[in-house]
Amino acid sequence: MEDAIKVLLAEDSPQDVELIEEELQQMRLHYRLQTVSRRAAYEASLKDFSPDLILSNYSLPDFDGLTALRLAQQWVPGTPVIIVTRSLTELIAVDCLKAGALDYVIKEHLERL
């Protein structure tokens, strides 16, 4: 899978991982998915996996979407980050976009990916 898009998914819900992966498959993308749920694993993946795209839940066990975004900007600058979450207040969404997120997607509307 040499030309596969490397997608790093920061998500702690196995059901949501499955839903997001189903959506990626429907897009017929040639991709490799690496899933993490903890900050240490996320940081290691930024360094070792070098993703082409990052999808991050906003609320994770030991970090949040803004932290995920800032870490990505530090370790893999220019890599697009999309916040994927169940609910996001308008204020948090604006903060994420101002901080450099490419977009945000509510999980009930994963087709927007």
PDB file of N, CA and C in Angstrom:
ATOM      1  N   MET A   1       0.831  -1.184   0.000  1.00  0.00           N
ATOM      2  CA  MET A   1       0.000   0.000   0.000  1.00  0.00           C
ATOM      3  C   MET A   1       0.874   1.245   0.000  1.00  0.00           C
ATOM      4  N   GLU A   2       1.742   1.290  -0.967  1.00  0.00           N
ATOM      5  CA  GLU A   2       2.728   2.361  -1.053  1.00  0.00           C
ATOM      6  C   GLU A   2       2.105   3.746  -1.180  1.00  0.00           C
ATOM      7  N   ASP A   3       1.066   3.887  -2.001  1.00  0.00           N
ATOM      8  CA  ASP A   3       0.451   5.187  -2.231  1.00  0.00           C
ATOM      9  C   ASP A   3      -0.739   5.444  -1.324  1.00  0.00           C
ATOM     10  N   ALA A   4      -0.908   4.659  -0.300  1.00  0.00           N
ATOM     11  CA  ALA A   4      -2.051   4.804   0.595  1.00  0.00           C
ATOM     12  C   ALA A   4      -1.936   6.102   1.396  1.00  0.00           C
ATOM     13  N   ILE A   5      -3.077   6.734   1.593  1.00  0.00           N
ATOM     14  CA  ILE A   5      -3.133   7.908   2.463  1.00  0.00           C
ATOM     15  C   ILE A   5      -3.061   7.400   3.896  1.00  0.00           C
ATOM     16  N   LYS A   6      -2.138   7.938   4.667  1.00  0.00           N
ATOM     17  CA  LYS A   6      -1.990   7.522   6.063  1.00  0.00           C
ATOM     18  C   LYS A   6      -2.884   8.404   6.925  1.00  0.00           C
ATOM     19  N   VAL A   7      -3.894   7.766   7.520  1.00  0.00           N
ATOM     20  CA  VAL A   7      -4.871   8.475   8.348  1.00  0.00           C
ATOM     21  C   VAL A   7      -4.654   8.088   9.797  1.00  0.00           C
ATOM     22  N   LEU A   8      -4.424   9.099  10.627  1.00  0.00           N
ATOM     23  CA  LEU A   8      -4.302   8.888  12.066  1.00  0.00           C
ATOM     24  C   LEU A   8      -5.627   9.291  12.691  1.00  0.00           C
ATOM     25  N   LEU A   9      -6.250   8.354  13.388  1.00  0.00           N
ATOM     26  CA  LEU A   9      -7.532   8.591  14.030  1.00  0.00           C
ATOM     27  C   LEU A   9      -7.354   8.561  15.538  1.00  0.00           C
ATOM     28  N   ALA A  10      -7.603   9.693  16.184  1.00  0.00           N
ATOM     29  CA  ALA A  10      -7.569   9.768  17.645  1.00  0.00           C
ATOM     30  C   ALA A  10      -9.011   9.623  18.131  1.00  0.00           C
ATOM     31  N   GLU A  11      -9.343   8.444  18.612  1.00  0.00           N
ATOM     32  CA  GLU A  11     -10.727   8.127  18.993  1.00  0.00           C
ATOM     33  C   GLU A  11     -10.720   7.051  20.071  1.00  0.00           C
ATOM     34  N   ASP A  12     -11.550   7.216  21.085  1.00  0.00           N
ATOM     35  CA  ASP A  12     -11.585   6.249  22.179  1.00  0.00           C
ATOM     36  C   ASP A  12     -12.814   5.345  22.164  1.00  0.00           C
ATOM     37  N   SER A  13     -13.725   5.552  21.241  1.00  0.00           N
ATOM     38  CA  SER A  13     -14.926   4.720  21.146  1.00  0.00           C
ATOM     39  C   SER A  13     -14.773   3.714  20.014  1.00  0.00           C
ATOM     40  N   PRO A  14     -14.731   2.412  20.341  1.00  0.00           N
ATOM     41  CA  PRO A  14     -14.617   1.404  19.280  1.00  0.00           C
ATOM     42  C   PRO A  14     -15.750   1.487  18.256  1.00  0.00           C
ATOM     43  N   GLN A  15     -16.953   1.810  18.709  1.00  0.00           N
ATOM     44  CA  GLN A  15     -18.085   1.938  17.791  1.00  0.00           C
ATOM     45  C   GLN A  15     -17.863   3.092  16.818  1.00  0.00           C
ATOM     46  N   ASP A  16     -17.339   4.215  17.321  1.00  0.00           N
ATOM     47  CA  ASP A  16     -17.093   5.356  16.447  1.00  0.00           C
ATOM     48  C   ASP A  16     -15.939   5.095  15.493  1.00  0.00           C
ATOM     49  N   VAL A  17     -14.937   4.358  15.947  1.00  0.00           N
ATOM     50  CA  VAL A  17     -13.847   3.962  15.044  1.00  0.00           C
ATOM     51  C   VAL A  17     -14.435   3.174  13.879  1.00  0.00           C
ATOM     52  N   GLU A  18     -15.324   2.250  14.190  1.00  0.00           N
ATOM     53  CA  GLU A  18     -15.951   1.438  13.160  1.00  0.00           C
ATOM     54  C   GLU A  18     -16.777   2.293  12.189  1.00  0.00           C
ATOM     55  N   LEU A  19     -17.549   3.240  12.717  1.00  0.00           N
ATOM     56  CA  LEU A  19     -18.350   4.115  11.860  1.00  0.00           C
ATOM     57  C   LEU A  19     -17.481   4.978  10.947  1.00  0.00           C
ATOM     58  N   ILE A  20     -16.406   5.516  11.498  1.00  0.00           N
ATOM     59  CA  ILE A  20     -15.506   6.359  10.704  1.00  0.00           C
ATOM     60  C   ILE A  20     -14.812   5.530   9.633  1.00  0.00           C
ATOM     61  N   GLU A  21     -14.395   4.327   9.999  1.00  0.00           N
ATOM     62  CA  GLU A  21     -13.744   3.472   9.006  1.00  0.00           C
ATOM     63  C   GLU A  21     -14.726   3.072   7.896  1.00  0.00           C
ATOM     64  N   GLU A  22     -15.970   2.813   8.247  1.00  0.00           N
ATOM     65  CA  GLU A  22     -16.981   2.512   7.223  1.00  0.00           C
ATOM     66  C   GLU A  22     -17.142   3.687   6.268  1.00  0.00           C
ATOM     67  N   GLU A  23     -17.129   4.893   6.815  1.00  0.00           N
ATOM     68  CA  GLU A  23     -17.260   6.084   5.969  1.00  0.00           C
ATOM     69  C   GLU A  23     -16.057   6.219   5.037  1.00  0.00           C
ATOM     70  N   LEU A  24     -14.869   5.969   5.547  1.00  0.00           N
ATOM     71  CA  LEU A  24     -13.664   6.027   4.718  1.00  0.00           C
ATOM     72  C   LEU A  24     -13.733   4.981   3.602  1.00  0.00           C
ATOM     73  N   GLN A  25     -14.226   3.794   3.928  1.00  0.00           N
ATOM     74  CA  GLN A  25     -14.341   2.738   2.919  1.00  0.00           C
ATOM     75  C   GLN A  25     -15.353   3.115   1.838  1.00  0.00           C
ATOM     76  N   GLN A  26     -16.431   3.774   2.223  1.00  0.00           N
ATOM     77  CA  GLN A  26     -17.429   4.194   1.243  1.00  0.00           C
ATOM     78  C   GLN A  26     -16.865   5.219   0.263  1.00  0.00           C
ATOM     79  N   MET A  27     -15.861   5.971   0.716  1.00  0.00           N
ATOM     80  CA  MET A  27     -15.229   6.960  -0.158  1.00  0.00           C
ATOM     81  C   MET A  27     -14.279   6.307  -1.148  1.00  0.00           C
ATOM     82  N   ARG A  28     -14.044   5.013  -0.971  1.00  0.00           N
ATOM     83  CA  ARG A  28     -13.147   4.248  -1.830  1.00  0.00           C
ATOM     84  C   ARG A  28     -11.727   4.821  -1.839  1.00  0.00           C
ATOM     85  N   LEU A  29     -11.326   5.299  -0.689  1.00  0.00           N
ATOM     86  CA  LEU A  29      -9.963   5.808  -0.540  1.00  0.00           C
ATOM     87  C   LEU A  29      -8.995   4.653  -0.374  1.00  0.00           C
ATOM     88  N   HIS A  30      -7.818   4.833  -0.875  1.00  0.00           N
ATOM     89  CA  HIS A  30      -6.724   3.898  -0.645  1.00  0.00           C
ATOM     90  C   HIS A  30      -5.982   4.434   0.576  1.00  0.00           C
ATOM     91  N   TYR A  31      -6.223   3.844   1.753  1.00  0.00           N
ATOM     92  CA  TYR A  31      -5.705   4.419   2.990  1.00  0.00           C
ATOM     93  C   TYR A  31      -5.194   3.348   3.949  1.00  0.00           C
ATOM     94  N   ARG A  32      -4.366   3.796   4.855  1.00  0.00           N
ATOM     95  CA  ARG A  32      -3.932   2.999   6.008  1.00  0.00           C
ATOM     96  C   ARG A  32      -4.390   3.768   7.236  1.00  0.00           C
ATOM     97  N   LEU A  33      -5.079   3.096   8.135  1.00  0.00           N
ATOM     98  CA  LEU A  33      -5.624   3.737   9.321  1.00  0.00           C
ATOM     99  C   LEU A  33      -4.873   3.283  10.551  1.00  0.00           C
ATOM    100  N   GLN A  34      -4.450   4.248  11.342  1.00  0.00           N
ATOM    101  CA  GLN A  34      -3.863   3.949  12.643  1.00  0.00           C
ATOM    102  C   GLN A  34      -4.733   4.661  13.673  1.00  0.00           C
ATOM    103  N   THR A  35      -5.209   3.909  14.666  1.00  0.00           N
ATOM    104  CA  THR A  35      -6.104   4.450  15.678  1.00  0.00           C
ATOM    105  C   THR A  35      -5.410   4.484  17.027  1.00  0.00           C
ATOM    106  N   VAL A  36      -5.570   5.605  17.718  1.00  0.00           N
ATOM    107  CA  VAL A  36      -5.030   5.775  19.069  1.00  0.00           C
ATOM    108  C   VAL A  36      -6.102   6.426  19.943  1.00  0.00           C
ATOM    109  N   SER A  37      -5.962   6.242  21.254  1.00  0.00           N
ATOM    110  CA  SER A  37      -6.934   6.869  22.151  1.00  0.00           C
ATOM    111  C   SER A  37      -6.271   7.640  23.292  1.00  0.00           C
ATOM    112  N   ARG A  38      -4.975   7.495  23.441  1.00  0.00           N
ATOM    113  CA  ARG A  38      -4.256   8.169  24.528  1.00  0.00           C
ATOM    114  C   ARG A  38      -3.202   9.114  23.949  1.00  0.00           C
ATOM    115  N   ARG A  39      -2.874  10.126  24.723  1.00  0.00           N
ATOM    116  CA  ARG A  39      -1.943  11.149  24.253  1.00  0.00           C
ATOM    117  C   ARG A  39      -0.567  10.572  23.897  1.00  0.00           C
ATOM    118  N   ALA A  40      -0.040   9.709  24.733  1.00  0.00           N
ATOM    119  CA  ALA A  40       1.297   9.152  24.467  1.00  0.00           C
ATOM    120  C   ALA A  40       1.323   8.395  23.138  1.00  0.00           C
ATOM    121  N   ALA A  41       0.287   7.615  22.881  1.00  0.00           N
ATOM    122  CA  ALA A  41       0.206   6.867  21.618  1.00  0.00           C
ATOM    123  C   ALA A  41       0.034   7.826  20.441  1.00  0.00           C
ATOM    124  N   TYR A  42      -0.722   8.893  20.644  1.00  0.00           N
ATOM    125  CA  TYR A  42      -0.917   9.903  19.601  1.00  0.00           C
ATOM    126  C   TYR A  42       0.410  10.556  19.236  1.00  0.00           C
ATOM    127  N   GLU A  43       1.159  10.979  20.248  1.00  0.00           N
ATOM    128  CA  GLU A  43       2.456  11.608  19.996  1.00  0.00           C
ATOM    129  C   GLU A  43       3.405  10.645  19.288  1.00  0.00           C
ATOM    130  N   ALA A  44       3.419   9.390  19.712  1.00  0.00           N
ATOM    131  CA  ALA A  44       4.285   8.398  19.067  1.00  0.00           C
ATOM    132  C   ALA A  44       3.879   8.208  17.602  1.00  0.00           C
ATOM    133  N   SER A  45       2.582   8.195  17.327  1.00  0.00           N
ATOM    134  CA  SER A  45       2.110   8.021  15.956  1.00  0.00           C
ATOM    135  C   SER A  45       2.452   9.215  15.080  1.00  0.00           C
ATOM    136  N   LEU A  46       2.407  10.412  15.644  1.00  0.00           N
ATOM    137  CA  LEU A  46       2.802  11.589  14.872  1.00  0.00           C
ATOM    138  C   LEU A  46       4.239  11.439  14.391  1.00  0.00           C
ATOM    139  N   LYS A  47       5.089  10.940  15.263  1.00  0.00           N
ATOM    140  CA  LYS A  47       6.506  10.810  14.940  1.00  0.00           C
ATOM    141  C   LYS A  47       6.784   9.612  14.026  1.00  0.00           C
ATOM    142  N   ASP A  48       6.179   8.461  14.345  1.00  0.00           N
ATOM    143  CA  ASP A  48       6.521   7.219  13.654  1.00  0.00           C
ATOM    144  C   ASP A  48       5.667   6.937  12.424  1.00  0.00           C
ATOM    145  N   PHE A  49       4.399   7.277  12.458  1.00  0.00           N
ATOM    146  CA  PHE A  49       3.462   6.982  11.373  1.00  0.00           C
ATOM    147  C   PHE A  49       3.465   8.085  10.322  1.00  0.00           C
ATOM    148  N   SER A  50       3.789   9.319  10.724  1.00  0.00           N
ATOM    149  CA  SER A  50       3.805  10.485   9.831  1.00  0.00           C
ATOM    150  C   SER A  50       2.540  10.558   8.981  1.00  0.00           C
ATOM    151  N   PRO A  51       1.396  10.829   9.610  1.00  0.00           N
ATOM    152  CA  PRO A  51       0.131  10.794   8.877  1.00  0.00           C
ATOM    153  C   PRO A  51       0.000  11.882   7.820  1.00  0.00           C
ATOM    154  N   ASP A  52      -0.822  11.572   6.812  1.00  0.00           N
ATOM    155  CA  ASP A  52      -1.176  12.552   5.786  1.00  0.00           C
ATOM    156  C   ASP A  52      -2.439  13.321   6.183  1.00  0.00           C
ATOM    157  N   LEU A  53      -3.227  12.726   7.075  1.00  0.00           N
ATOM    158  CA  LEU A  53      -4.477  13.309   7.540  1.00  0.00           C
ATOM    159  C   LEU A  53      -4.704  12.852   8.969  1.00  0.00           C
ATOM    160  N   ILE A  54      -5.198  13.774   9.796  1.00  0.00           N
ATOM    161  CA  ILE A  54      -5.514  13.439  11.186  1.00  0.00           C
ATOM    162  C   ILE A  54      -6.987  13.726  11.425  1.00  0.00           C
ATOM    163  N   LEU A  55      -7.675  12.726  11.947  1.00  0.00           N
ATOM    164  CA  LEU A  55      -9.049  12.871  12.396  1.00  0.00           C
ATOM    165  C   LEU A  55      -9.011  12.706  13.906  1.00  0.00           C
ATOM    166  N   SER A  56      -9.483  13.714  14.636  1.00  0.00           N
ATOM    167  CA  SER A  56      -9.385  13.653  16.090  1.00  0.00           C
ATOM    168  C   SER A  56     -10.717  13.955  16.749  1.00  0.00           C
ATOM    169  N   ASN A  57     -11.122  13.058  17.622  1.00  0.00           N
ATOM    170  CA  ASN A  57     -12.254  13.337  18.490  1.00  0.00           C
ATOM    171  C   ASN A  57     -11.882  14.553  19.335  1.00  0.00           C
ATOM    172  N   TYR A  58     -12.861  15.346  19.720  1.00  0.00           N
ATOM    173  CA  TYR A  58     -12.525  16.503  20.550  1.00  0.00           C
ATOM    174  C   TYR A  58     -12.253  16.090  21.991  1.00  0.00           C
ATOM    175  N   SER A  59     -13.010  15.134  22.516  1.00  0.00           N
ATOM    176  CA  SER A  59     -12.862  14.714  23.924  1.00  0.00           C
ATOM    177  C   SER A  59     -12.278  13.313  23.984  1.00  0.00           C
ATOM    178  N   LEU A  60     -11.054  13.241  24.451  1.00  0.00           N
ATOM    179  CA  LEU A  60     -10.363  11.969  24.614  1.00  0.00           C
ATOM    180  C   LEU A  60      -9.981  11.802  26.085  1.00  0.00           C
ATOM    181  N   PRO A  61      -9.599  10.599  26.503  1.00  0.00           N
ATOM    182  CA  PRO A  61      -9.354  10.367  27.930  1.00  0.00           C
ATOM    183  C   PRO A  61      -8.327  11.303  28.587  1.00  0.00           C
ATOM    184  N   ASP A  62      -7.225  11.611  27.896  1.00  0.00           N
ATOM    185  CA  ASP A  62      -6.213  12.433  28.558  1.00  0.00           C
ATOM    186  C   ASP A  62      -5.717  13.609  27.712  1.00  0.00           C
ATOM    187  N   PHE A  63      -6.497  13.979  26.690  1.00  0.00           N
ATOM    188  CA  PHE A  63      -6.217  15.196  25.926  1.00  0.00           C
ATOM    189  C   PHE A  63      -7.446  15.547  25.104  1.00  0.00           C
ATOM    190  N   ASP A  64      -7.411  16.720  24.474  1.00  0.00           N
ATOM    191  CA  ASP A  64      -8.574  17.142  23.686  1.00  0.00           C
ATOM    192  C   ASP A  64      -8.151  17.501  22.263  1.00  0.00           C
ATOM    193  N   GLY A  65      -9.141  17.871  21.467  1.00  0.00           N
ATOM    194  CA  GLY A  65      -8.890  18.163  20.065  1.00  0.00           C
ATOM    195  C   GLY A  65      -7.924  19.312  19.837  1.00  0.00           C
ATOM    196  N   LEU A  66      -8.004  20.343  20.676  1.00  0.00           N
ATOM    197  CA  LEU A  66      -7.057  21.461  20.531  1.00  0.00           C
ATOM    198  C   LEU A  66      -5.630  21.021  20.807  1.00  0.00           C
ATOM    199  N   THR A  67      -5.466  20.174  21.805  1.00  0.00           N
ATOM    200  CA  THR A  67      -4.130  19.644  22.101  1.00  0.00           C
ATOM    201  C   THR A  67      -3.649  18.779  20.944  1.00  0.00           C
ATOM    202  N   ALA A  68      -4.538  17.956  20.398  1.00  0.00           N
ATOM    203  CA  ALA A  68      -4.186  17.121  19.245  1.00  0.00           C
ATOM    204  C   ALA A  68      -3.732  17.998  18.082  1.00  0.00           C
ATOM    205  N   LEU A  69      -4.452  19.079  17.858  1.00  0.00           N
ATOM    206  CA  LEU A  69      -4.115  20.012  16.781  1.00  0.00           C
ATOM    207  C   LEU A  69      -2.747  20.645  17.010  1.00  0.00           C
ATOM    208  N   ARG A  70      -2.513  21.121  18.203  1.00  0.00           N
ATOM    209  CA  ARG A  70      -1.224  21.776  18.511  1.00  0.00           C
ATOM    210  C   ARG A  70      -0.051  20.802  18.407  1.00  0.00           C
ATOM    211  N   LEU A  71      -0.252  19.584  18.881  1.00  0.00           N
ATOM    212  CA  LEU A  71       0.811  18.579  18.760  1.00  0.00           C
ATOM    213  C   LEU A  71       1.088  18.254  17.291  1.00  0.00           C
ATOM    214  N   ALA A  72       0.028  18.165  16.494  1.00  0.00           N
ATOM    215  CA  ALA A  72       0.213  17.906  15.055  1.00  0.00           C
ATOM    216  C   ALA A  72       0.981  19.045  14.402  1.00  0.00           C
ATOM    217  N   GLN A  73       0.649  20.279  14.754  1.00  0.00           N
ATOM    218  CA  GLN A  73       1.349  21.433  14.182  1.00  0.00           C
ATOM    219  C   GLN A  73       2.828  21.414  14.559  1.00  0.00           C
ATOM    220  N   GLN A  74       3.132  20.902  15.731  1.00  0.00           N
ATOM    221  CA  GLN A  74       4.523  20.821  16.184  1.00  0.00           C
ATOM    222  C   GLN A  74       5.283  19.702  15.475  1.00  0.00           C
ATOM    223  N   TRP A  75       4.665  18.495  15.349  1.00  0.00           N
ATOM    224  CA  TRP A  75       5.380  17.329  14.856  1.00  0.00           C
ATOM    225  C   TRP A  75       5.222  17.088  13.354  1.00  0.00           C
ATOM    226  N   VAL A  76       4.065  17.440  12.802  1.00  0.00           N
ATOM    227  CA  VAL A  76       3.832  17.226  11.366  1.00  0.00           C
ATOM    228  C   VAL A  76       3.150  18.466  10.786  1.00  0.00           C
ATOM    229  N   PRO A  77       3.884  19.586  10.770  1.00  0.00           N
ATOM    230  CA  PRO A  77       3.279  20.834  10.307  1.00  0.00           C
ATOM    231  C   PRO A  77       2.700  20.697   8.894  1.00  0.00           C
ATOM    232  N   GLY A  78       1.558  21.329   8.703  1.00  0.00           N
ATOM    233  CA  GLY A  78       0.910  21.294   7.400  1.00  0.00           C
ATOM    234  C   GLY A  78      -0.024  20.111   7.195  1.00  0.00           C
ATOM    235  N   THR A  79      -0.005  19.159   8.107  1.00  0.00           N
ATOM    236  CA  THR A  79      -0.903  18.008   7.995  1.00  0.00           C
ATOM    237  C   THR A  79      -2.307  18.440   8.393  1.00  0.00           C
ATOM    238  N   PRO A  80      -3.297  18.208   7.533  1.00  0.00           N
ATOM    239  CA  PRO A  80      -4.658  18.620   7.868  1.00  0.00           C
ATOM    240  C   PRO A  80      -5.215  17.844   9.061  1.00  0.00           C
ATOM    241  N   VAL A  81      -5.882  18.587   9.946  1.00  0.00           N
ATOM    242  CA  VAL A  81      -6.530  18.002  11.116  1.00  0.00           C
ATOM    243  C   VAL A  81      -8.011  18.343  11.050  1.00  0.00           C
ATOM    244  N   ILE A  82      -8.836  17.319  11.145  1.00  0.00           N
ATOM    245  CA  ILE A  82     -10.285  17.495  11.184  1.00  0.00           C
ATOM    246  C   ILE A  82     -10.773  16.995  12.538  1.00  0.00           C
ATOM    247  N   ILE A  83     -11.495  17.837  13.245  1.00  0.00           N
ATOM    248  CA  ILE A  83     -12.063  17.463  14.529  1.00  0.00           C
ATOM    249  C   ILE A  83     -13.380  16.733  14.255  1.00  0.00           C
ATOM    250  N   VAL A  84     -13.516  15.535  14.811  1.00  0.00           N
ATOM    251  CA  VAL A  84     -14.709  14.711  14.632  1.00  0.00           C
ATOM    252  C   VAL A  84     -15.276  14.441  16.021  1.00  0.00           C
ATOM    253  N   THR A  85     -16.511  14.875  16.263  1.00  0.00           N
ATOM    254  CA  THR A  85     -17.039  14.776  17.615  1.00  0.00           C
ATOM    255  C   THR A  85     -18.550  14.595  17.626  1.00  0.00           C
ATOM    256  N   ARG A  86     -19.073  14.170  18.757  1.00  0.00           N
ATOM    257  CA  ARG A  86     -20.527  14.011  18.922  1.00  0.00           C
ATOM    258  C   ARG A  86     -21.212  15.368  18.987  1.00  0.00           C
ATOM    259  N   SER A  87     -20.640  16.253  19.762  1.00  0.00           N
ATOM    260  CA  SER A  87     -21.219  17.595  19.875  1.00  0.00           C
ATOM    261  C   SER A  87     -20.088  18.579  20.101  1.00  0.00           C
ATOM    262  N   LEU A  88     -20.265  19.749  19.587  1.00  0.00           N
ATOM    263  CA  LEU A  88     -19.237  20.772  19.685  1.00  0.00           C
ATOM    264  C   LEU A  88     -19.948  22.108  19.738  1.00  0.00           C
ATOM    265  N   THR A  89     -19.661  22.867  20.778  1.00  0.00           N
ATOM    266  CA  THR A  89     -20.284  24.176  20.837  1.00  0.00           C
ATOM    267  C   THR A  89     -19.702  25.049  19.739  1.00  0.00           C
ATOM    268  N   GLU A  90     -20.447  26.048  19.377  1.00  0.00           N
ATOM    269  CA  GLU A  90     -19.984  26.963  18.328  1.00  0.00           C
ATOM    270  C   GLU A  90     -18.662  27.620  18.737  1.00  0.00           C
ATOM    271  N   LEU A  91     -18.534  27.963  20.001  1.00  0.00           N
ATOM    272  CA  LEU A  91     -17.318  28.603  20.497  1.00  0.00           C
ATOM    273  C   LEU A  91     -16.105  27.677  20.353  1.00  0.00           C
ATOM    274  N   ILE A  92     -16.270  26.417  20.720  1.00  0.00           N
ATOM    275  CA  ILE A  92     -15.160  25.461  20.599  1.00  0.00           C
ATOM    276  C   ILE A  92     -14.839  25.217  19.131  1.00  0.00           C
ATOM    277  N   ALA A  93     -15.860  25.108  18.297  1.00  0.00           N
ATOM    278  CA  ALA A  93     -15.627  24.908  16.863  1.00  0.00           C
ATOM    279  C   ALA A  93     -14.825  26.058  16.284  1.00  0.00           C
ATOM    280  N   VAL A  94     -15.208  27.283  16.628  1.00  0.00           N
ATOM    281  CA  VAL A  94     -14.485  28.465  16.140  1.00  0.00           C
ATOM    282  C   VAL A  94     -13.053  28.461  16.666  1.00  0.00           C
ATOM    283  N   ASP A  95     -12.870  28.111  17.935  1.00  0.00           N
ATOM    284  CA  ASP A  95     -11.515  28.042  18.508  1.00  0.00           C
ATOM    285  C   ASP A  95     -10.650  27.041  17.745  1.00  0.00           C
ATOM    286  N   CYS A  96     -11.220  25.885  17.407  1.00  0.00           N
ATOM    287  CA  CYS A  96     -10.468  24.863  16.665  1.00  0.00           C
ATOM    288  C   CYS A  96     -10.091  25.372  15.274  1.00  0.00           C
ATOM    289  N   LEU A  97     -11.032  25.994  14.612  1.00  0.00           N
ATOM    290  CA  LEU A  97     -10.757  26.515  13.264  1.00  0.00           C
ATOM    291  C   LEU A  97      -9.728  27.642  13.318  1.00  0.00           C
ATOM    292  N   LYS A  98      -9.839  28.533  14.288  1.00  0.00           N
ATOM    293  CA  LYS A  98      -8.861  29.611  14.439  1.00  0.00           C
ATOM    294  C   LYS A  98      -7.474  29.071  14.750  1.00  0.00           C
ATOM    295  N   ALA A  99      -7.426  27.975  15.487  1.00  0.00           N
ATOM    296  CA  ALA A  99      -6.139  27.377  15.850  1.00  0.00           C
ATOM    297  C   ALA A  99      -5.506  26.627  14.683  1.00  0.00           C
ATOM    298  N   GLY A 100      -6.278  26.408  13.605  1.00  0.00           N
ATOM    299  CA  GLY A 100      -5.687  25.782  12.433  1.00  0.00           C
ATOM    300  C   GLY A 100      -6.324  24.489  11.975  1.00  0.00           C
ATOM    301  N   ALA A 101      -7.403  24.043  12.626  1.00  0.00           N
ATOM    302  CA  ALA A 101      -8.081  22.834  12.149  1.00  0.00           C
ATOM    303  C   ALA A 101      -8.625  23.088  10.756  1.00  0.00           C
ATOM    304  N   LEU A 102      -8.549  22.089   9.903  1.00  0.00           N
ATOM    305  CA  LEU A 102      -9.081  22.218   8.550  1.00  0.00           C
ATOM    306  C   LEU A 102     -10.601  22.326   8.589  1.00  0.00           C
ATOM    307  N   ASP A 103     -11.219  21.555   9.470  1.00  0.00           N
ATOM    308  CA  ASP A 103     -12.672  21.543   9.561  1.00  0.00           C
ATOM    309  C   ASP A 103     -13.056  20.774  10.819  1.00  0.00           C
ATOM    310  N   TYR A 104     -14.361  20.708  11.067  1.00  0.00           N
ATOM    311  CA  TYR A 104     -14.881  19.839  12.105  1.00  0.00           C
ATOM    312  C   TYR A 104     -16.117  19.150  11.548  1.00  0.00           C
ATOM    313  N   VAL A 105     -16.356  17.931  12.029  1.00  0.00           N
ATOM    314  CA  VAL A 105     -17.486  17.134  11.566  1.00  0.00           C
ATOM    315  C   VAL A 105     -18.179  16.556  12.791  1.00  0.00           C
ATOM    316  N   ILE A 106     -19.504  16.725  12.836  1.00  0.00           N
ATOM    317  CA  ILE A 106     -20.294  16.103  13.889  1.00  0.00           C
ATOM    318  C   ILE A 106     -20.502  14.639  13.487  1.00  0.00           C
ATOM    319  N   LYS A 107     -20.324  13.721  14.423  1.00  0.00           N
ATOM    320  CA  LYS A 107     -20.372  12.290  14.101  1.00  0.00           C
ATOM    321  C   LYS A 107     -21.684  11.858  13.466  1.00  0.00           C
ATOM    322  N   GLU A 108     -22.755  12.552  13.750  1.00  0.00           N
ATOM    323  CA  GLU A 108     -24.031  12.220  13.121  1.00  0.00           C
ATOM    324  C   GLU A 108     -24.036  12.580  11.633  1.00  0.00           C
ATOM    325  N   HIS A 109     -23.023  13.307  11.170  1.00  0.00           N
ATOM    326  CA  HIS A 109     -22.933  13.717   9.772  1.00  0.00           C
ATOM    327  C   HIS A 109     -21.574  13.336   9.180  1.00  0.00           C
ATOM    328  N   LEU A 110     -21.165  12.112   9.408  1.00  0.00           N
ATOM    329  CA  LEU A 110     -19.856  11.663   8.922  1.00  0.00           C
ATOM    330  C   LEU A 110     -19.730  11.707   7.408  1.00  0.00           C
ATOM    331  N   GLU A 111     -20.851  11.741   6.710  1.00  0.00           N
ATOM    332  CA  GLU A 111     -20.777  11.835   5.250  1.00  0.00           C
ATOM    333  C   GLU A 111     -20.071  13.103   4.811  1.00  0.00           C
ATOM    334  N   ARG A 112     -19.960  14.109   5.689  1.00  0.00           N
ATOM    335  CA  ARG A 112     -19.239  15.337   5.351  1.00  0.00           C
ATOM    336  C   ARG A 112     -17.727  15.110   5.218  1.00  0.00           C
ATOM    337  N   LEU A 113     -17.239  14.001   5.753  1.00  0.00           N
ATOM    338  CA  LEU A 113     -15.809  13.729   5.633  1.00  0.00           C
ATOM    339  C   LEU A 113     -15.417  13.697   4.157  1.00  0.00           C
TER     340      LEU A 113
END
